[in-house]
PDB file of N, CA and C in Angstrom:
ATOM      1  N   UNK A   1      87.974 275.257  26.718  1.00  0.00           N
ATOM      2  CA  UNK A   1      88.386 273.755  27.051  1.00  0.00           C
ATOM      3  C   UNK A   1      89.601 273.703  27.509  1.00  0.00           C
ATOM      4  N   UNK A   2      89.766 273.094  28.603  1.00  0.00           N
ATOM      5  CA  UNK A   2      91.191 272.754  29.226  1.00  0.00           C
ATOM      6  C   UNK A   2      91.692 272.078  28.670  1.00  0.00           C
ATOM      7  N   UNK A   3      92.930 272.184  28.288  1.00  0.00           N
ATOM      8  CA  UNK A   3      93.570 270.659  27.225  1.00  0.00           C
ATOM      9  C   UNK A   3      94.778 270.328  28.077  1.00  0.00           C
ATOM     10  N   UNK A   4      94.536 269.096  28.490  1.00  0.00           N
ATOM     11  CA  UNK A   4      95.245 268.600  29.585  1.00  0.00           C
ATOM     12  C   UNK A   4      96.204 267.484  28.517  1.00  0.00           C
ATOM     13  N   UNK A   5      97.515 267.366  29.009  1.00  0.00           N
ATOM     14  CA  UNK A   5      98.582 266.355  28.238  1.00  0.00           C
ATOM     15  C   UNK A   5      99.059 266.935  26.965  1.00  0.00           C
ATOM     16  N   UNK A   6      99.112 268.007  26.622  1.00  0.00           N
ATOM     17  CA  UNK A   6      99.433 268.382  25.335  1.00  0.00           C
ATOM     18  C   UNK A   6     100.992 268.887  25.045  1.00  0.00           C
ATOM     19  N   UNK A   7     101.257 269.324  26.800  1.00  0.00           N
ATOM     20  CA  UNK A   7     102.708 269.497  26.883  1.00  0.00           C
ATOM     21  C   UNK A   7     103.711 268.094  26.797  1.00  0.00           C
ATOM     22  N   UNK A   8     103.061 267.410  27.545  1.00  0.00           N
ATOM     23  CA  UNK A   8     104.008 265.885  27.756  1.00  0.00           C
ATOM     24  C   UNK A   8     103.634 265.017  26.303  1.00  0.00           C
ATOM     25  N   UNK A   9     103.028 265.382  25.379  1.00  0.00           N
ATOM     26  CA  UNK A   9     102.743 264.612  24.150  1.00  0.00           C
ATOM     27  C   UNK A   9     103.508 265.745  23.296  1.00  0.00           C
ATOM     28  N   UNK A  10     103.713 266.978  23.383  1.00  0.00           N
ATOM     29  CA  UNK A  10     104.384 267.809  22.803  1.00  0.00           C
ATOM     30  C   UNK A  10     106.079 267.551  22.918  1.00  0.00           C
ATOM     31  N   UNK A  11     106.423 266.930  24.323  1.00  0.00           N
ATOM     32  CA  UNK A  11     107.480 267.050  24.186  1.00  0.00           C
ATOM     33  C   UNK A  11     108.055 265.387  24.292  1.00  0.00           C
ATOM     34  N   UNK A  12     107.213 264.278  24.405  1.00  0.00           N
ATOM     35  CA  UNK A  12     107.922 263.375  23.303  1.00  0.00           C
ATOM     36  C   UNK A  12     107.878 263.103  21.828  1.00  0.00           C
ATOM     37  N   UNK A  13     106.868 264.091  21.556  1.00  0.00           N
ATOM     38  CA  UNK A  13     106.845 264.287  20.018  1.00  0.00           C
ATOM     39  C   UNK A  13     107.906 264.997  19.625  1.00  0.00           C
ATOM     40  N   UNK A  14     108.784 265.908  20.290  1.00  0.00           N
ATOM     41  CA  UNK A  14     109.859 266.534  20.131  1.00  0.00           C
ATOM     42  C   UNK A  14     111.114 266.142  20.215  1.00  0.00           C
ATOM     43  N   UNK A  15     111.259 265.136  21.340  1.00  0.00           N
ATOM     44  CA  UNK A  15     112.549 264.116  21.740  1.00  0.00           C
ATOM     45  C   UNK A  15     112.372 263.205  20.959  1.00  0.00           C
ATOM     46  N   UNK A  16     111.003 262.169  20.320  1.00  0.00           N
ATOM     47  CA  UNK A  16     111.231 260.990  19.448  1.00  0.00           C
ATOM     48  C   UNK A  16     111.807 261.745  18.384  1.00  0.00           C
ATOM     49  N   UNK A  17     110.981 262.868  17.407  1.00  0.00           N
ATOM     50  CA  UNK A  17     112.041 263.438  16.240  1.00  0.00           C
ATOM     51  C   UNK A  17     112.852 263.441  16.353  1.00  0.00           C
ATOM     52  N   UNK A  18     113.880 264.283  17.626  1.00  0.00           N
ATOM     53  CA  UNK A  18     115.215 264.431  17.189  1.00  0.00           C
ATOM     54  C   UNK A  18     115.831 262.827  17.823  1.00  0.00           C
ATOM     55  N   UNK A  19     115.421 262.135  18.239  1.00  0.00           N
ATOM     56  CA  UNK A  19     116.224 260.999  18.210  1.00  0.00           C
ATOM     57  C   UNK A  19     116.487 260.301  17.307  1.00  0.00           C
ATOM     58  N   UNK A  20     114.792 260.203  16.425  1.00  0.00           N
ATOM     59  CA  UNK A  20     115.098 259.698  14.884  1.00  0.00           C
ATOM     60  C   UNK A  20     115.981 260.311  14.072  1.00  0.00           C
ATOM     61  N   UNK A  21     115.797 261.664  14.009  1.00  0.00           N
ATOM     62  CA  UNK A  21     116.725 262.498  13.355  1.00  0.00           C
ATOM     63  C   UNK A  21     118.389 262.025  13.484  1.00  0.00           C
ATOM     64  N   UNK A  22     118.875 262.033  14.522  1.00  0.00           N
ATOM     65  CA  UNK A  22     119.954 261.660  15.110  1.00  0.00           C
ATOM     66  C   UNK A  22     120.388 260.042  14.795  1.00  0.00           C
ATOM     67  N   UNK A  23     119.334 259.576  14.981  1.00  0.00           N
ATOM     68  CA  UNK A  23     119.410 257.959  14.303  1.00  0.00           C
ATOM     69  C   UNK A  23     119.743 257.842  12.930  1.00  0.00           C
ATOM     70  N   UNK A  24     118.918 258.580  12.207  1.00  0.00           N
ATOM     71  CA  UNK A  24     119.212 258.487  10.624  1.00  0.00           C
ATOM     72  C   UNK A  24     120.564 259.244  10.311  1.00  0.00           C
ATOM     73  N   UNK A  25     120.791 260.400  11.031  1.00  0.00           N
ATOM     74  CA  UNK A  25     122.085 260.852  10.807  1.00  0.00           C
ATOM     75  C   UNK A  25     123.130 260.143  10.943  1.00  0.00           C
ATOM     76  N   UNK A  26     122.996 258.908  11.927  1.00  0.00           N
ATOM     77  CA  UNK A  26     124.161 257.979  12.572  1.00  0.00           C
ATOM     78  C   UNK A  26     124.497 256.953  11.297  1.00  0.00           C
ATOM     79  N   UNK A  27     123.097 256.545  10.813  1.00  0.00           N
ATOM     80  CA  UNK A  27     123.116 255.925  10.000  1.00  0.00           C
ATOM     81  C   UNK A  27     123.564 255.999   8.274  1.00  0.00           C
ATOM     82  N   UNK A  28     123.346 257.107   8.026  1.00  0.00           N
ATOM     83  CA  UNK A  28     123.916 257.855   6.831  1.00  0.00           C
ATOM     84  C   UNK A  28     122.116 258.233   6.243  1.00  0.00           C
ATOM     85  N   UNK A  29     120.869 258.479   6.870  1.00  0.00           N
ATOM     86  CA  UNK A  29     120.262 258.829   6.054  1.00  0.00           C
ATOM     87  C   UNK A  29     119.915 260.214   6.129  1.00  0.00           C
ATOM     88  N   UNK A  30     119.275 260.551   5.274  1.00  0.00           N
ATOM     89  CA  UNK A  30     118.955 262.164   5.561  1.00  0.00           C
ATOM     90  C   UNK A  30     117.501 262.395   5.812  1.00  0.00           C
ATOM     91  N   UNK A  31     116.887 261.668   6.944  1.00  0.00           N
ATOM     92  CA  UNK A  31     115.482 261.650   7.353  1.00  0.00           C
ATOM     93  C   UNK A  31     115.485 261.341   8.794  1.00  0.00           C
ATOM     94  N   UNK A  32     114.236 260.955   8.955  1.00  0.00           N
ATOM     95  CA  UNK A  32     113.724 260.953  10.547  1.00  0.00           C
ATOM     96  C   UNK A  32     113.755 259.155  10.471  1.00  0.00           C
ATOM     97  N   UNK A  33     114.325 258.592  11.517  1.00  0.00           N
ATOM     98  CA  UNK A  33     114.203 257.115  11.293  1.00  0.00           C
ATOM     99  C   UNK A  33     113.571 256.166  12.735  1.00  0.00           C
ATOM    100  N   UNK A  34     111.965 256.465  12.587  1.00  0.00           N
ATOM    101  CA  UNK A  34     111.506 255.698  14.112  1.00  0.00           C
ATOM    102  C   UNK A  34     111.161 256.723  14.749  1.00  0.00           C
ATOM    103  N   UNK A  35     111.121 258.236  14.499  1.00  0.00           N
ATOM    104  CA  UNK A  35     110.929 259.009  15.518  1.00  0.00           C
ATOM    105  C   UNK A  35     109.702 259.337  15.951  1.00  0.00           C
ATOM    106  N   UNK A  36     108.595 258.878  15.248  1.00  0.00           N
ATOM    107  CA  UNK A  36     107.344 258.886  15.813  1.00  0.00           C
ATOM    108  C   UNK A  36     107.093 257.708  16.742  1.00  0.00           C
ATOM    109  N   UNK A  37     107.850 256.694  16.243  1.00  0.00           N
ATOM    110  CA  UNK A  37     107.867 254.931  17.462  1.00  0.00           C
ATOM    111  C   UNK A  37     108.251 255.635  18.551  1.00  0.00           C
ATOM    112  N   UNK A  38     109.500 256.525  18.853  1.00  0.00           N
ATOM    113  CA  UNK A  38     110.507 256.584  19.890  1.00  0.00           C
ATOM    114  C   UNK A  38     109.676 257.562  20.660  1.00  0.00           C
ATOM    115  N   UNK A  39     108.771 258.378  20.331  1.00  0.00           N
ATOM    116  CA  UNK A  39     107.919 259.207  20.523  1.00  0.00           C
ATOM    117  C   UNK A  39     106.862 258.552  21.695  1.00  0.00           C
ATOM    118  N   UNK A  40     105.991 257.511  20.661  1.00  0.00           N
ATOM    119  CA  UNK A  40     104.692 256.764  21.250  1.00  0.00           C
ATOM    120  C   UNK A  40     105.474 256.449  22.815  1.00  0.00           C
ATOM    121  N   UNK A  41     106.866 255.473  22.206  1.00  0.00           N
ATOM    122  CA  UNK A  41     107.499 254.428  23.045  1.00  0.00           C
ATOM    123  C   UNK A  41     107.911 255.595  24.522  1.00  0.00           C
ATOM    124  N   UNK A  42     108.052 256.488  24.523  1.00  0.00           N
ATOM    125  CA  UNK A  42     108.162 257.543  25.490  1.00  0.00           C
ATOM    126  C   UNK A  42     107.159 258.135  26.033  1.00  0.00           C
ATOM    127  N   UNK A  43     106.335 258.263  25.689  1.00  0.00           N
ATOM    128  CA  UNK A  43     104.783 258.603  25.681  1.00  0.00           C
ATOM    129  C   UNK A  43     104.332 257.787  26.927  1.00  0.00           C
ATOM    130  N   UNK A  44     104.509 256.652  26.572  1.00  0.00           N
ATOM    131  CA  UNK A  44     103.874 255.108  27.253  1.00  0.00           C
ATOM    132  C   UNK A  44     104.658 255.222  28.775  1.00  0.00           C
ATOM    133  N   UNK A  45     106.020 255.141  28.403  1.00  0.00           N
ATOM    134  CA  UNK A  45     106.867 254.827  29.596  1.00  0.00           C
ATOM    135  C   UNK A  45     106.322 255.996  30.583  1.00  0.00           C
ATOM    136  N   UNK A  46     106.531 257.399  30.221  1.00  0.00           N
ATOM    137  CA  UNK A  46     106.489 258.490  30.824  1.00  0.00           C
ATOM    138  C   UNK A  46     104.880 258.308  31.635  1.00  0.00           C
ATOM    139  N   UNK A  47     104.291 258.381  30.931  1.00  0.00           N
ATOM    140  CA  UNK A  47     103.000 257.934  31.632  1.00  0.00           C
ATOM    141  C   UNK A  47     102.442 257.008  32.403  1.00  0.00           C
ATOM    142  N   UNK A  48     103.234 255.609  32.164  1.00  0.00           N
ATOM    143  CA  UNK A  48     103.515 254.915  33.270  1.00  0.00           C
ATOM    144  C   UNK A  48     103.985 254.973  34.216  1.00  0.00           C
ATOM    145  N   UNK A  49     105.116 255.637  34.342  1.00  0.00           N
ATOM    146  CA  UNK A  49     105.878 256.012  35.142  1.00  0.00           C
ATOM    147  C   UNK A  49     105.261 257.281  36.253  1.00  0.00           C
ATOM    148  N   UNK A  50     104.422 257.847  35.614  1.00  0.00           N
ATOM    149  CA  UNK A  50     103.857 259.302  36.548  1.00  0.00           C
ATOM    150  C   UNK A  50     102.566 258.425  37.264  1.00  0.00           C
ATOM    151  N   UNK A  51     102.184 257.432  36.178  1.00  0.00           N
ATOM    152  CA  UNK A  51     100.841 256.835  37.220  1.00  0.00           C
ATOM    153  C   UNK A  51     101.367 256.449  38.260  1.00  0.00           C
ATOM    154  N   UNK A  52     102.217 254.964  38.399  1.00  0.00           N
ATOM    155  CA  UNK A  52     102.879 254.314  39.272  1.00  0.00           C
ATOM    156  C   UNK A  52     103.555 255.144  40.294  1.00  0.00           C
ATOM    157  N   UNK A  53     103.849 256.745  40.328  1.00  0.00           N
ATOM    158  CA  UNK A  53     103.987 257.553  41.165  1.00  0.00           C
ATOM    159  C   UNK A  53     102.970 257.974  41.802  1.00  0.00           C
ATOM    160  N   UNK A  54     101.741 258.308  41.068  1.00  0.00           N
ATOM    161  CA  UNK A  54     100.637 258.772  41.620  1.00  0.00           C
ATOM    162  C   UNK A  54     100.684 260.720  41.179  1.00  0.00           C
ATOM    163  N   UNK A  55     101.350 260.676  40.429  1.00  0.00           N
ATOM    164  CA  UNK A  55     101.579 262.395  40.311  1.00  0.00           C
ATOM    165  C   UNK A  55     100.827 262.609  38.717  1.00  0.00           C
ATOM    166  N   UNK A  56      99.936 261.440  38.423  1.00  0.00           N
ATOM    167  CA  UNK A  56      99.014 261.886  37.280  1.00  0.00           C
ATOM    168  C   UNK A  56      97.904 261.740  37.343  1.00  0.00           C
ATOM    169  N   UNK A  57      97.128 262.563  37.219  1.00  0.00           N
ATOM    170  CA  UNK A  57      95.537 263.084  37.977  1.00  0.00           C
ATOM    171  C   UNK A  57      95.128 262.366  36.391  1.00  0.00           C
ATOM    172  N   UNK A  58      93.692 262.262  37.083  1.00  0.00           N
ATOM    173  CA  UNK A  58      92.536 261.663  35.980  1.00  0.00           C
ATOM    174  C   UNK A  58      92.516 262.760  34.696  1.00  0.00           C
ATOM    175  N   UNK A  59      91.960 263.680  35.096  1.00  0.00           N
ATOM    176  CA  UNK A  59      91.849 264.739  33.440  1.00  0.00           C
ATOM    177  C   UNK A  59      93.203 264.672  33.095  1.00  0.00           C
ATOM    178  N   UNK A  60      94.413 264.805  33.342  1.00  0.00           N
ATOM    179  CA  UNK A  60      95.554 264.780  32.664  1.00  0.00           C
ATOM    180  C   UNK A  60      95.591 263.376  31.783  1.00  0.00           C
ATOM    181  N   UNK A  61      95.211 262.404  32.499  1.00  0.00           N
ATOM    182  CA  UNK A  61      95.355 261.266  31.796  1.00  0.00           C
ATOM    183  C   UNK A  61      94.374 260.947  30.693  1.00  0.00           C
ATOM    184  N   UNK A  62      93.228 261.233  30.988  1.00  0.00           N
ATOM    185  CA  UNK A  62      91.980 261.434  29.914  1.00  0.00           C
ATOM    186  C   UNK A  62      92.645 262.386  28.818  1.00  0.00           C
ATOM    187  N   UNK A  63      93.550 263.448  28.734  1.00  0.00           N
ATOM    188  CA  UNK A  63      93.500 264.239  28.055  1.00  0.00           C
ATOM    189  C   UNK A  63      94.865 263.643  27.269  1.00  0.00           C
ATOM    190  N   UNK A  64      95.923 262.978  27.842  1.00  0.00           N
ATOM    191  CA  UNK A  64      96.865 262.308  27.139  1.00  0.00           C
ATOM    192  C   UNK A  64      96.267 261.552  26.149  1.00  0.00           C
ATOM    193  N   UNK A  65      95.350 260.601  26.623  1.00  0.00           N
ATOM    194  CA  UNK A  65      94.630 259.491  26.010  1.00  0.00           C
ATOM    195  C   UNK A  65      94.098 259.865  24.503  1.00  0.00           C
ATOM    196  N   UNK A  66      93.304 261.358  25.037  1.00  0.00           N
ATOM    197  CA  UNK A  66      92.702 261.698  23.437  1.00  0.00           C
ATOM    198  C   UNK A  66      93.492 262.559  22.798  1.00  0.00           C
ATOM    199  N   UNK A  67      94.679 263.306  23.278  1.00  0.00           N
ATOM    200  CA  UNK A  67      95.910 263.386  22.173  1.00  0.00           C
ATOM    201  C   UNK A  67      96.490 262.137  21.479  1.00  0.00           C
ATOM    202  N   UNK A  68      96.675 261.080  22.027  1.00  0.00           N
ATOM    203  CA  UNK A  68      97.296 260.143  21.364  1.00  0.00           C
ATOM    204  C   UNK A  68      96.292 259.705  20.184  1.00  0.00           C
ATOM    205  N   UNK A  69      95.223 259.277  20.425  1.00  0.00           N
ATOM    206  CA  UNK A  69      94.554 259.126  19.766  1.00  0.00           C
ATOM    207  C   UNK A  69      94.340 260.127  18.265  1.00  0.00           C
ATOM    208  N   UNK A  70      94.546 261.152  18.514  1.00  0.00           N
ATOM    209  CA  UNK A  70      94.433 262.026  17.714  1.00  0.00           C
ATOM    210  C   UNK A  70      95.877 262.155  16.930  1.00  0.00           C
ATOM    211  N   UNK A  71      96.578 262.179  17.578  1.00  0.00           N
ATOM    212  CA  UNK A  71      98.113 262.269  17.139  1.00  0.00           C
ATOM    213  C   UNK A  71      98.662 260.657  16.405  1.00  0.00           C
ATOM    214  N   UNK A  72      97.901 259.629  16.767  1.00  0.00           N
ATOM    215  CA  UNK A  72      98.656 258.763  15.950  1.00  0.00           C
ATOM    216  C   UNK A  72      98.089 258.089  14.368  1.00  0.00           C
ATOM    217  N   UNK A  73      96.932 258.574  14.480  1.00  0.00           N
ATOM    218  CA  UNK A  73      97.081 258.088  12.788  1.00  0.00           C
ATOM    219  C   UNK A  73      97.061 259.495  11.826  1.00  0.00           C
ATOM    220  N   UNK A  74      97.526 260.604  11.942  1.00  0.00           N
ATOM    221  CA  UNK A  74      97.849 261.477  11.377  1.00  0.00           C
ATOM    222  C   UNK A  74      99.382 261.440  11.244  1.00  0.00           C
ATOM    223  N   UNK A  75      99.887 261.376  12.396  1.00  0.00           N
ATOM    224  CA  UNK A  75     101.423 261.141  12.346  1.00  0.00           C
ATOM    225  C   UNK A  75     102.027 260.046  11.424  1.00  0.00           C
ATOM    226  N   UNK A  76     101.124 258.785  11.679  1.00  0.00           N
ATOM    227  CA  UNK A  76     101.756 257.647  11.141  1.00  0.00           C
ATOM    228  C   UNK A  76     101.246 257.739   9.646  1.00  0.00           C
ATOM    229  N   UNK A  77     100.396 258.340   9.353  1.00  0.00           N
ATOM    230  CA  UNK A  77      99.824 258.312   8.099  1.00  0.00           C
ATOM    231  C   UNK A  77     101.368 258.822   7.008  1.00  0.00           C
ATOM    232  N   UNK A  78     101.581 260.073   7.859  1.00  0.00           N
ATOM    233  CA  UNK A  78     102.493 260.921   7.286  1.00  0.00           C
ATOM    234  C   UNK A  78     104.158 260.357   7.281  1.00  0.00           C
ATOM    235  N   UNK A  79     104.500 259.639   8.274  1.00  0.00           N
ATOM    236  CA  UNK A  79     105.445 259.017   8.687  1.00  0.00           C
ATOM    237  C   UNK A  79     105.603 257.740   7.411  1.00  0.00           C
ATOM    238  N   UNK A  80     104.116 257.106   7.085  1.00  0.00           N
ATOM    239  CA  UNK A  80     104.153 255.724   6.201  1.00  0.00           C
ATOM    240  C   UNK A  80     104.544 256.535   4.592  1.00  0.00           C
ATOM    241  N   UNK A  81     103.736 257.341   4.407  1.00  0.00           N
ATOM    242  CA  UNK A  81     104.075 257.792   3.125  1.00  0.00           C
ATOM    243  C   UNK A  81     105.556 258.169   2.696  1.00  0.00           C
ATOM    244  N   UNK A  82     106.390 258.830   3.358  1.00  0.00           N
ATOM    245  CA  UNK A  82     107.404 259.580   3.470  1.00  0.00           C
ATOM    246  C   UNK A  82     108.536 258.013   3.393  1.00  0.00           C
ATOM    247  N   UNK A  83     107.781 257.017   3.727  1.00  0.00           N
ATOM    248  CA  UNK A  83     108.882 255.991   4.707  1.00  0.00           C
ATOM    249  C   UNK A  83     108.897 255.245   2.955  1.00  0.00           C
ATOM    250  N   UNK A  84     107.202 255.097   2.515  1.00  0.00           N
ATOM    251  CA  UNK A  84     107.586 254.465   1.171  1.00  0.00           C
ATOM    252  C   UNK A  84     108.000 254.771   0.335  1.00  0.00           C
ATOM    253  N   UNK A  85     107.936 256.350  -0.040  1.00  0.00           N
ATOM    254  CA  UNK A  85     109.236 257.225  -0.789  1.00  0.00           C
ATOM    255  C   UNK A  85     110.520 256.620  -0.565  1.00  0.00           C
ATOM    256  N   UNK A  86     110.821 256.946   0.461  1.00  0.00           N
ATOM    257  CA  UNK A  86     112.125 256.691   0.567  1.00  0.00           C
ATOM    258  C   UNK A  86     112.977 255.136   0.476  1.00  0.00           C
ATOM    259  N   UNK A  87     111.895 254.225   0.919  1.00  0.00           N
ATOM    260  CA  UNK A  87     111.960 252.919   0.157  1.00  0.00           C
ATOM    261  C   UNK A  87     111.944 252.523  -1.125  1.00  0.00           C
ATOM    262  N   UNK A  88     111.574 252.805  -1.740  1.00  0.00           N
ATOM    263  CA  UNK A  88     111.265 252.963  -3.394  1.00  0.00           C
ATOM    264  C   UNK A  88     112.244 253.839  -3.645  1.00  0.00           C
ATOM    265  N   UNK A  89     112.761 254.720  -3.599  1.00  0.00           N
ATOM    266  CA  UNK A  89     114.141 255.548  -3.993  1.00  0.00           C
ATOM    267  C   UNK A  89     115.470 254.874  -3.583  1.00  0.00           C
ATOM    268  N   UNK A  90     115.113 254.398  -2.370  1.00  0.00           N
ATOM    269  CA  UNK A  90     116.606 253.629  -1.938  1.00  0.00           C
ATOM    270  C   UNK A  90     117.048 252.271  -2.637  1.00  0.00           C
ATOM    271  N   UNK A  91     116.351 251.894  -3.360  1.00  0.00           N
ATOM    272  CA  UNK A  91     116.263 250.556  -4.025  1.00  0.00           C
ATOM    273  C   UNK A  91     115.786 249.311  -3.382  1.00  0.00           C
ATOM    274  N   UNK A  92     116.274 248.049  -3.803  1.00  0.00           N
ATOM    275  CA  UNK A  92     115.202 246.936  -3.878  1.00  0.00           C
ATOM    276  C   UNK A  92     115.801 246.667  -2.595  1.00  0.00           C
ATOM    277  N   UNK A  93     116.768 246.552  -1.909  1.00  0.00           N
ATOM    278  CA  UNK A  93     117.159 245.842  -0.431  1.00  0.00           C
ATOM    279  C   UNK A  93     115.882 246.447   0.846  1.00  0.00           C
ATOM    280  N   UNK A  94     115.776 247.858   0.480  1.00  0.00           N
ATOM    281  CA  UNK A  94     115.016 248.834   1.198  1.00  0.00           C
ATOM    282  C   UNK A  94     113.714 247.871   1.302  1.00  0.00           C
ATOM    283  N   UNK A  95     113.009 247.788  -0.018  1.00  0.00           N
ATOM    284  CA  UNK A  95     111.690 247.239  -0.115  1.00  0.00           C
ATOM    285  C   UNK A  95     111.674 245.944   0.571  1.00  0.00           C
ATOM    286  N   UNK A  96     112.855 245.031   0.379  1.00  0.00           N
ATOM    287  CA  UNK A  96     113.174 243.936   0.706  1.00  0.00           C
ATOM    288  C   UNK A  96     112.753 243.626   2.160  1.00  0.00           C
ATOM    289  N   UNK A  97     113.470 244.427   3.064  1.00  0.00           N
ATOM    290  CA  UNK A  97     113.671 244.657   4.628  1.00  0.00           C
ATOM    291  C   UNK A  97     112.119 244.948   4.931  1.00  0.00           C
ATOM    292  N   UNK A  98     111.621 246.379   4.545  1.00  0.00           N
ATOM    293  CA  UNK A  98     110.259 245.862   4.454  1.00  0.00           C
ATOM    294  C   UNK A  98     109.287 245.068   4.724  1.00  0.00           C
ATOM    295  N   UNK A  99     109.420 244.548   3.424  1.00  0.00           N
ATOM    296  CA  UNK A  99     108.407 243.069   3.246  1.00  0.00           C
ATOM    297  C   UNK A  99     108.640 241.979   4.469  1.00  0.00           C
ATOM    298  N   UNK A 100     110.026 241.691   4.488  1.00  0.00           N
ATOM    299  CA  UNK A 100     110.139 240.736   5.519  1.00  0.00           C
ATOM    300  C   UNK A 100     109.852 241.040   6.985  1.00  0.00           C
ATOM    301  N   UNK A 101     110.384 242.478   7.491  1.00  0.00           N
ATOM    302  CA  UNK A 101     109.672 242.775   8.843  1.00  0.00           C
ATOM    303  C   UNK A 101     108.308 242.829   8.832  1.00  0.00           C
ATOM    304  N   UNK A 102     107.278 243.269   8.369  1.00  0.00           N
ATOM    305  CA  UNK A 102     106.008 243.067   7.970  1.00  0.00           C
ATOM    306  C   UNK A 102     105.745 241.665   8.419  1.00  0.00           C
ATOM    307  N   UNK A 103     105.979 240.566   7.434  1.00  0.00           N
ATOM    308  CA  UNK A 103     105.746 239.333   7.433  1.00  0.00           C
ATOM    309  C   UNK A 103     105.912 238.916   8.764  1.00  0.00           C
ATOM    310  N   UNK A 104     107.236 238.981   9.376  1.00  0.00           N
ATOM    311  CA  UNK A 104     107.627 238.452  10.433  1.00  0.00           C
ATOM    312  C   UNK A 104     106.567 239.192  11.889  1.00  0.00           C
ATOM    313  N   UNK A 105     106.607 240.637  11.455  1.00  0.00           N
ATOM    314  CA  UNK A 105     105.358 240.908  12.627  1.00  0.00           C
ATOM    315  C   UNK A 105     103.909 240.147  12.606  1.00  0.00           C
ATOM    316  N   UNK A 106     103.636 239.806  11.366  1.00  0.00           N
ATOM    317  CA  UNK A 106     102.089 239.185  11.362  1.00  0.00           C
ATOM    318  C   UNK A 106     102.340 237.834  12.143  1.00  0.00           C
ATOM    319  N   UNK A 107     103.697 237.643  11.902  1.00  0.00           N
ATOM    320  CA  UNK A 107     103.810 235.925  13.061  1.00  0.00           C
ATOM    321  C   UNK A 107     104.132 236.144  13.904  1.00  0.00           C
ATOM    322  N   UNK A 108     104.371 237.373  14.382  1.00  0.00           N
ATOM    323  CA  UNK A 108     104.519 237.354  15.697  1.00  0.00           C
ATOM    324  C   UNK A 108     103.249 237.821  16.752  1.00  0.00           C
ATOM    325  N   UNK A 109     102.229 238.262  15.971  1.00  0.00           N
ATOM    326  CA  UNK A 109     100.591 238.504  16.849  1.00  0.00           C
ATOM    327  C   UNK A 109     100.469 237.544  17.796  1.00  0.00           C
ATOM    328  N   UNK A 110     100.286 236.339  17.383  1.00  0.00           N
ATOM    329  CA  UNK A 110      99.669 235.228  18.120  1.00  0.00           C
ATOM    330  C   UNK A 110     100.731 234.732  19.053  1.00  0.00           C
ATOM    331  N   UNK A 111     102.169 235.208  19.014  1.00  0.00           N
ATOM    332  CA  UNK A 111     103.210 234.947  20.101  1.00  0.00           C
ATOM    333  C   UNK A 111     102.827 236.239  21.115  1.00  0.00           C
ATOM    334  N   UNK A 112     102.507 237.514  20.810  1.00  0.00           N
ATOM    335  CA  UNK A 112     102.333 238.242  21.560  1.00  0.00           C
ATOM    336  C   UNK A 112     101.164 238.359  22.195  1.00  0.00           C
ATOM    337  N   UNK A 113     100.108 237.775  21.427  1.00  0.00           N
ATOM    338  CA  UNK A 113      99.034 238.054  22.025  1.00  0.00           C
ATOM    339  C   UNK A 113      98.598 237.004  23.133  1.00  0.00           C
ATOM    340  N   UNK A 114      99.364 235.771  23.217  1.00  0.00           N
ATOM    341  CA  UNK A 114      99.374 234.775  24.265  1.00  0.00           C
ATOM    342  C   UNK A 114     100.477 235.241  25.686  1.00  0.00           C
ATOM    343  N   UNK A 115     101.060 236.641  25.414  1.00  0.00           N
ATOM    344  CA  UNK A 115     101.738 237.063  26.672  1.00  0.00           C
ATOM    345  C   UNK A 115     100.725 237.439  27.656  1.00  0.00           C
ATOM    346  N   UNK A 116     100.373 236.996  29.109  1.00  0.00           N
ATOM    347  CA  UNK A 116      99.292 237.569  29.969  1.00  0.00           C
ATOM    348  C   UNK A 116      98.199 237.163  29.746  1.00  0.00           C
ATOM    349  N   UNK A 117      98.018 236.014  29.328  1.00  0.00           N
ATOM    350  CA  UNK A 117      96.851 235.350  29.030  1.00  0.00           C
ATOM    351  C   UNK A 117      96.692 234.121  30.033  1.00  0.00           C
ATOM    352  N   UNK A 118      98.091 233.884  30.643  1.00  0.00           N
ATOM    353  CA  UNK A 118      97.867 232.825  31.479  1.00  0.00           C
ATOM    354  C   UNK A 118      97.648 233.690  33.226  1.00  0.00           C
ATOM    355  N   UNK A 119      97.994 234.636  33.015  1.00  0.00           N
ATOM    356  CA  UNK A 119      97.962 235.402  34.209  1.00  0.00           C
ATOM    357  C   UNK A 119      96.242 235.865  34.485  1.00  0.00           C
ATOM    358  N   UNK A 120      95.822 236.096  32.963  1.00  0.00           N
ATOM    359  CA  UNK A 120      94.334 236.316  33.167  1.00  0.00           C
ATOM    360  C   UNK A 120      93.704 235.374  33.781  1.00  0.00           C
ATOM    361  N   UNK A 121      93.779 234.103  33.593  1.00  0.00           N
ATOM    362  CA  UNK A 121      93.214 232.769  33.364  1.00  0.00           C
ATOM    363  C   UNK A 121      93.047 232.377  34.914  1.00  0.00           C
ATOM    364  N   UNK A 122      94.149 232.839  35.414  1.00  0.00           N
ATOM    365  CA  UNK A 122      94.087 232.259  37.108  1.00  0.00           C
ATOM    366  C   UNK A 122      93.585 233.142  37.851  1.00  0.00           C
TER     367      UNK A 122
END
């Protein structure tokens, strides 16, 4: 089986982990801060850029989609357990901030879901 998109996914993962580690170092945390998020954001931006330029062939696009489906659940689960351990050992402020961010995320779902509906209706 020919594996398409793995090099791009690996680049985004390594770059995201590097940025997350650098950000953690800058704020004084011994760990990765948002590396998985940076990696996925970078993957989406590069994928969109390559599609718009016409440089991304369909098998490569399907390969990136396949590997991103494999990548997300595993890496996010690993990062989530690490973040919970760090939050609990970091004191109550980390837990409070996590709860506030999660609740605000729930409240933003209706707002975000309305984005683009006006364009679809017309």
